[in-house]
């Protein structure tokens, strides 16, 4: 019941400030799970003000670390697909967000994998430097390639969005 109260409170905080001054709402969202924030957006905010919901989502997602940013982006993407958040280029924006946040999340994963070099020297670890070198060799290049492709495709999508805007 407390979680339901927090989703309603979050919705009230967002809807109370149509000028994008979401500091109180963002602080409240910081203490909630991603799925509960989405629930508040889906049930209360998007039906009341689609554009306001979009602006809140943009600010909320930016507060996360890369992996959580991707998770939050994926969680709210159906709000755009189902037209609950109806803004220009909605589908483009969720794909662009997925590509950009996906690249950042893969960068974080790569960084994490490469951070185990020192841990491998720890006598308590079941793996050693040779094992880490193998993982780095096998995962490093594919991750870097995926990161580059995602960033490149995000740039290309940005061009397509601008081109579509120019044509209208």
Protein backbone atom coordinates (compact mmCIF):
# COMPACT_ATOMS: atom_id res chain seq x y z
CA UNK A 1 0.00 0.00 0.00
CA UNK A 2 2.89 2.38 0.75
CA UNK A 3 4.22 1.90 -2.80
CA UNK A 4 0.80 2.82 -4.24
CA UNK A 5 0.86 5.95 -2.11
CA UNK A 6 4.30 6.87 -3.42
CA UNK A 7 3.23 6.44 -7.06
CA UNK A 8 0.26 8.76 -6.48
CA UNK A 9 2.51 11.25 -4.64
CA UNK A 10 5.02 11.15 -7.49
CA UNK A 11 2.30 11.81 -10.03
CA UNK A 12 1.02 14.74 -7.98
CA UNK A 13 4.53 16.22 -7.74
CA UNK A 14 5.08 15.94 -11.49
CA UNK A 15 1.68 17.33 -12.44
CA UNK A 16 2.00 20.21 -9.97
CA UNK A 17 4.92 21.79 -11.85
CA UNK A 18 4.23 22.15 -15.57
CA UNK A 19 7.33 24.35 -15.95
CA UNK A 20 9.72 21.37 -15.65
CA UNK A 21 10.82 22.21 -12.10
CA UNK A 22 10.83 18.55 -11.19
CA UNK A 23 13.32 18.67 -8.30
CA UNK A 24 10.84 17.44 -5.66
CA UNK A 25 9.45 14.77 -8.01
CA UNK A 26 12.93 13.62 -8.99
CA UNK A 27 13.94 13.37 -5.35
CA UNK A 28 10.84 11.29 -4.64
CA UNK A 29 11.54 9.08 -7.68
CA UNK A 30 15.09 8.49 -6.41
CA UNK A 31 13.61 6.44 -3.57
CA UNK A 32 11.37 4.36 -5.84
CA UNK A 33 11.98 1.42 -8.11
CA UNK A 34 12.06 2.03 -11.85
CA UNK A 35 8.91 -0.03 -12.29
CA UNK A 36 7.00 2.00 -9.71
CA UNK A 37 8.03 5.27 -11.35
CA UNK A 38 6.83 3.87 -14.66
CA UNK A 39 3.55 2.87 -13.01
CA UNK A 40 3.01 6.45 -11.81
CA UNK A 41 3.80 7.78 -15.27
CA UNK A 42 1.61 5.26 -17.07
CA UNK A 43 -1.43 5.47 -14.80
CA UNK A 44 -1.45 9.12 -13.81
CA UNK A 45 0.95 11.45 -15.61
CA UNK A 46 0.86 10.36 -19.27
CA UNK A 47 -2.96 10.38 -19.48
CA UNK A 48 -3.06 13.86 -17.93
CA UNK A 49 -0.17 15.52 -19.82
CA UNK A 50 1.79 13.51 -22.36
CA UNK A 51 4.40 16.18 -23.09
CA UNK A 52 5.01 16.82 -19.38
CA UNK A 53 5.46 13.08 -18.88
CA UNK A 54 8.08 13.03 -21.65
CA UNK A 55 9.98 15.96 -20.12
CA UNK A 56 10.00 14.27 -16.71
CA UNK A 57 11.25 11.00 -18.24
CA UNK A 58 14.11 12.84 -19.95
CA UNK A 59 15.27 14.43 -16.68
CA UNK A 60 14.69 11.29 -14.61
CA UNK A 61 16.68 8.99 -16.87
CA UNK A 62 19.67 11.33 -16.88
CA UNK A 63 20.05 10.90 -13.11
CA UNK A 64 21.06 7.23 -13.42
CA UNK A 65 24.35 5.50 -13.98
CA UNK A 66 24.67 3.97 -17.49
CA UNK A 67 23.27 0.48 -16.81
CA UNK A 68 20.32 1.79 -14.80
CA UNK A 69 19.75 4.47 -17.46
CA UNK A 70 19.35 1.74 -20.06
CA UNK A 71 17.04 -0.24 -17.76
CA UNK A 72 14.86 2.83 -17.15
CA UNK A 73 14.78 3.63 -20.87
CA UNK A 74 13.67 0.12 -21.71
CA UNK A 75 11.05 0.16 -18.94
CA UNK A 76 9.34 3.32 -20.22
CA UNK A 77 9.73 2.66 -23.95
CA UNK A 78 6.28 1.09 -24.26
CA UNK A 79 4.73 4.36 -23.04
CA UNK A 80 5.96 5.84 -26.32
CA UNK A 81 5.09 2.86 -28.51
CA UNK A 82 1.55 2.76 -27.13
CA UNK A 83 1.20 6.54 -27.68
CA UNK A 84 0.69 7.22 -23.99
CA UNK A 85 3.58 9.62 -24.39
CA UNK A 86 2.68 11.24 -27.68
CA UNK A 87 5.44 13.61 -28.72
CA UNK A 88 6.95 14.29 -32.15
CA UNK A 89 9.30 11.49 -33.19
CA UNK A 90 8.29 9.35 -30.19
CA UNK A 91 9.44 6.11 -31.79
CA UNK A 92 12.65 7.73 -33.00
CA UNK A 93 13.35 9.10 -29.54
CA UNK A 94 13.00 5.75 -27.79
CA UNK A 95 15.27 4.06 -30.32
CA UNK A 96 17.78 6.90 -30.07
CA UNK A 97 17.67 6.68 -26.27
CA UNK A 98 18.13 2.90 -26.44
CA UNK A 99 21.13 3.19 -28.75
CA UNK A 100 22.81 5.93 -26.72
CA UNK A 101 22.11 4.36 -23.34
CA UNK A 102 22.95 0.90 -24.65
CA UNK A 103 26.35 2.12 -25.82
CA UNK A 104 26.98 3.72 -22.43
CA UNK A 105 25.91 0.53 -20.64
CA UNK A 106 28.25 -1.57 -22.79
CA UNK A 107 31.04 0.90 -22.06
CA UNK A 108 30.37 0.41 -18.34
CA UNK A 109 30.42 -3.38 -18.80
CA UNK A 110 33.71 -3.21 -20.68
CA UNK A 111 35.18 -0.97 -17.99
CA UNK A 112 34.03 -3.40 -15.29
CA UNK A 113 35.56 -6.38 -17.07
CA UNK A 114 38.86 -4.56 -17.51
CA UNK A 115 38.87 -3.50 -13.84
CA UNK A 116 39.44 -7.08 -12.71
CA UNK A 117 43.13 -7.05 -13.60
CA UNK A 118 44.10 -6.11 -10.05
CA UNK A 119 41.51 -8.43 -8.48
CA UNK A 120 43.05 -11.33 -10.39
CA UNK A 121 46.21 -10.97 -8.30
CA UNK A 122 44.23 -11.45 -5.09
CA UNK A 123 44.95 -14.90 -3.59
CA UNK A 124 41.27 -15.25 -2.65
CA UNK A 125 40.18 -15.05 -6.30
CA UNK A 126 39.53 -18.32 -8.10
CA UNK A 127 40.81 -16.76 -11.31
CA UNK A 128 44.18 -15.28 -12.18
CA UNK A 129 45.61 -12.71 -14.59
CA UNK A 130 45.69 -15.21 -17.45
CA UNK A 131 41.93 -15.80 -17.14
CA UNK A 132 41.26 -12.05 -17.16
CA UNK A 133 43.51 -11.57 -20.20
CA UNK A 134 41.48 -14.24 -22.00
CA UNK A 135 38.20 -12.54 -21.14
CA UNK A 136 39.59 -9.16 -22.19
CA UNK A 137 40.81 -10.61 -25.49
CA UNK A 138 37.51 -12.35 -26.21
CA UNK A 139 35.14 -9.62 -25.02
CA UNK A 140 37.07 -6.38 -25.47
CA UNK A 141 36.98 -6.06 -29.26
CA UNK A 142 33.36 -7.24 -29.70
CA UNK A 143 32.19 -4.86 -26.99
CA UNK A 144 34.13 -1.97 -28.53
CA UNK A 145 32.69 -2.77 -31.95
CA UNK A 146 29.15 -2.92 -30.56
CA UNK A 147 29.68 0.39 -28.75
CA UNK A 148 30.96 2.04 -31.93
CA UNK A 149 28.09 0.66 -34.02
CA UNK A 150 25.47 1.79 -31.51
CA UNK A 151 26.96 5.30 -31.36
CA UNK A 152 27.22 5.44 -35.15
CA UNK A 153 23.63 4.32 -35.58
CA UNK A 154 22.50 6.86 -32.98
CA UNK A 155 24.23 9.58 -35.03
CA UNK A 156 22.59 8.30 -38.22
CA UNK A 157 19.19 8.27 -36.53
CA UNK A 158 19.78 11.85 -35.39
CA UNK A 159 20.38 12.81 -39.02
CA UNK A 160 17.19 11.02 -40.09
CA UNK A 161 15.20 12.87 -37.42
CA UNK A 162 16.60 16.24 -38.51
CA UNK A 163 15.92 15.38 -42.15
CA UNK A 164 12.32 14.47 -41.32
CA UNK A 165 11.95 17.77 -39.48
CA UNK A 166 13.29 19.68 -42.47
CA UNK A 167 10.77 18.01 -44.76
CA UNK A 168 7.80 19.07 -42.64
